[in-house]
Structure formats: structure tokens, C-alpha cells
Amino acid sequence: MSDFFYSVFKKCHIAVIIKQMDYSKAIKELRDKLIISQEDLAKMLGVSFASVNRWERGHHEPTLSAKRKLRVLFIKNSIKTEE
């Protein structure tokens, strides 16, 4: 792999990691503000507990449908995300 492509790949990979970390922190902050469990948030969003757990740990990113619902909750609770 050329240095150029490796550099681009590395930058894109880092951007993905940073974005996931932002969701992770925002979801944790949301739960703290609302004083709810991961299971409670999962029920609010219509997803499984495992999904919320994976998002919060930064292992996966929410689906588009979940992102739309989360965005509303973030705005209502003054939680800033970088998108």
C-alpha cells in the first residue's frame, strides 16, 4: 500500500473511532441527565439493551433510525454531538 493511501486510510479510520467515541460519551451523558439505565434507554428507542450497551462502550454506532431518535433526545437535553 502506498504511503498516500495508507495516510488516507489511517485518517478515515481515526475519524470513525472519534465519531463513535462521541456517540459513546453523548449516550452516557444522556442517561446520566435522565437518570435512566441502559435498559430504560433501549426501551425508549425501541432497541435491545445489548445495542445501547455496545454504543455506549464504543463498539458499534447507532443505526440511522436510532440516531434520529437520539438526536431529538440530545437536543431536548442540551447534549452536544459533533456531526
Protein backbone atom coordinates (compact mmCIF):
# COMPACT_ATOMS: atom_id res chain seq x y z
CA MET A 1 0.00 0.00 0.00
CA SER A 2 1.43 3.39 -0.93
CA ASP A 3 2.16 5.97 1.74
CA PHE A 4 -0.61 8.22 0.35
CA PHE A 5 -3.32 5.57 0.58
CA TYR A 6 -2.11 4.43 3.99
CA SER A 7 -2.27 8.03 5.22
CA VAL A 8 -5.82 8.49 3.89
CA PHE A 9 -6.93 5.14 5.37
CA LYS A 10 -5.39 6.00 8.71
CA LYS A 11 -7.12 9.41 8.81
CA CYS A 12 -10.50 7.88 7.88
CA HIS A 13 -10.11 5.12 10.46
CA ILE A 14 -9.28 7.66 13.17
CA ALA A 15 -12.31 9.76 12.19
CA VAL A 16 -14.59 6.74 12.58
CA ILE A 17 -13.16 5.97 16.01
CA ILE A 18 -13.58 9.58 17.14
CA LYS A 19 -17.17 9.70 15.90
CA GLN A 20 -18.03 6.50 17.77
CA MET A 21 -16.44 7.87 20.92
CA ASP A 22 -18.58 10.99 20.62
CA TYR A 23 -21.76 8.90 20.49
CA SER A 24 -20.50 6.86 23.38
CA LYS A 25 -19.97 9.93 25.55
CA ALA A 26 -23.22 11.57 24.44
CA ILE A 27 -25.28 8.47 25.23
CA LYS A 28 -23.69 8.17 28.67
CA GLU A 29 -24.31 11.87 29.31
CA LEU A 30 -27.94 11.48 28.21
CA ARG A 31 -28.50 8.56 30.55
CA ASP A 32 -26.87 10.45 33.42
CA LYS A 33 -29.07 13.52 32.82
CA LEU A 34 -32.25 11.45 32.60
CA ILE A 35 -31.15 9.14 35.44
CA ILE A 36 -32.05 6.02 33.46
CA SER A 37 -30.43 2.65 32.84
CA GLN A 38 -29.23 1.31 29.51
CA GLU A 39 -32.28 -0.93 29.53
CA ASP A 40 -34.60 2.07 30.02
CA LEU A 41 -32.96 3.93 27.13
CA ALA A 42 -33.23 0.82 24.97
CA LYS A 43 -36.98 0.66 25.62
CA MET A 44 -37.34 4.39 24.79
CA LEU A 45 -35.57 3.87 21.47
CA GLY A 46 -37.16 0.52 20.61
CA VAL A 47 -33.82 -1.32 20.52
CA SER A 48 -32.20 -4.02 22.62
CA PHE A 49 -30.22 -3.46 25.79
CA ALA A 50 -27.22 -5.01 24.01
CA SER A 51 -27.38 -2.33 21.30
CA VAL A 52 -27.30 0.53 23.81
CA ASN A 53 -24.50 -1.20 25.69
CA ARG A 54 -22.42 -1.58 22.52
CA TRP A 55 -22.98 2.07 21.55
CA GLU A 56 -22.02 3.34 24.96
CA ARG A 57 -18.85 1.23 25.01
CA GLY A 58 -17.99 2.48 21.50
CA HIS A 59 -18.11 -0.97 19.92
CA HIS A 60 -20.84 -0.05 17.42
CA GLU A 61 -22.56 3.06 16.17
CA PRO A 62 -26.35 3.52 16.35
CA THR A 63 -28.42 2.81 13.25
CA LEU A 64 -29.82 5.76 11.31
CA SER A 65 -33.22 5.19 12.84
CA ALA A 66 -31.76 5.21 16.36
CA LYS A 67 -29.63 8.26 15.54
CA ARG A 68 -32.76 10.20 14.60
CA LYS A 69 -34.41 9.33 17.92
CA LEU A 70 -31.22 10.05 19.86
CA ARG A 71 -30.82 13.42 18.13
CA VAL A 72 -34.21 14.54 19.45
CA LEU A 73 -33.24 13.45 22.97
CA PHE A 74 -29.83 15.14 22.70
CA ILE A 75 -31.42 18.43 21.60
CA LYS A 76 -34.10 18.30 24.34
CA ASN A 77 -31.41 17.69 26.97
CA SER A 78 -28.81 20.17 25.63
CA ILE A 79 -26.24 17.49 24.78
CA LYS A 80 -23.86 18.49 22.02
CA THR A 81 -22.58 15.97 19.49
CA GLU A 82 -20.08 16.53 16.74
CA GLU A 83 -21.66 15.52 13.45
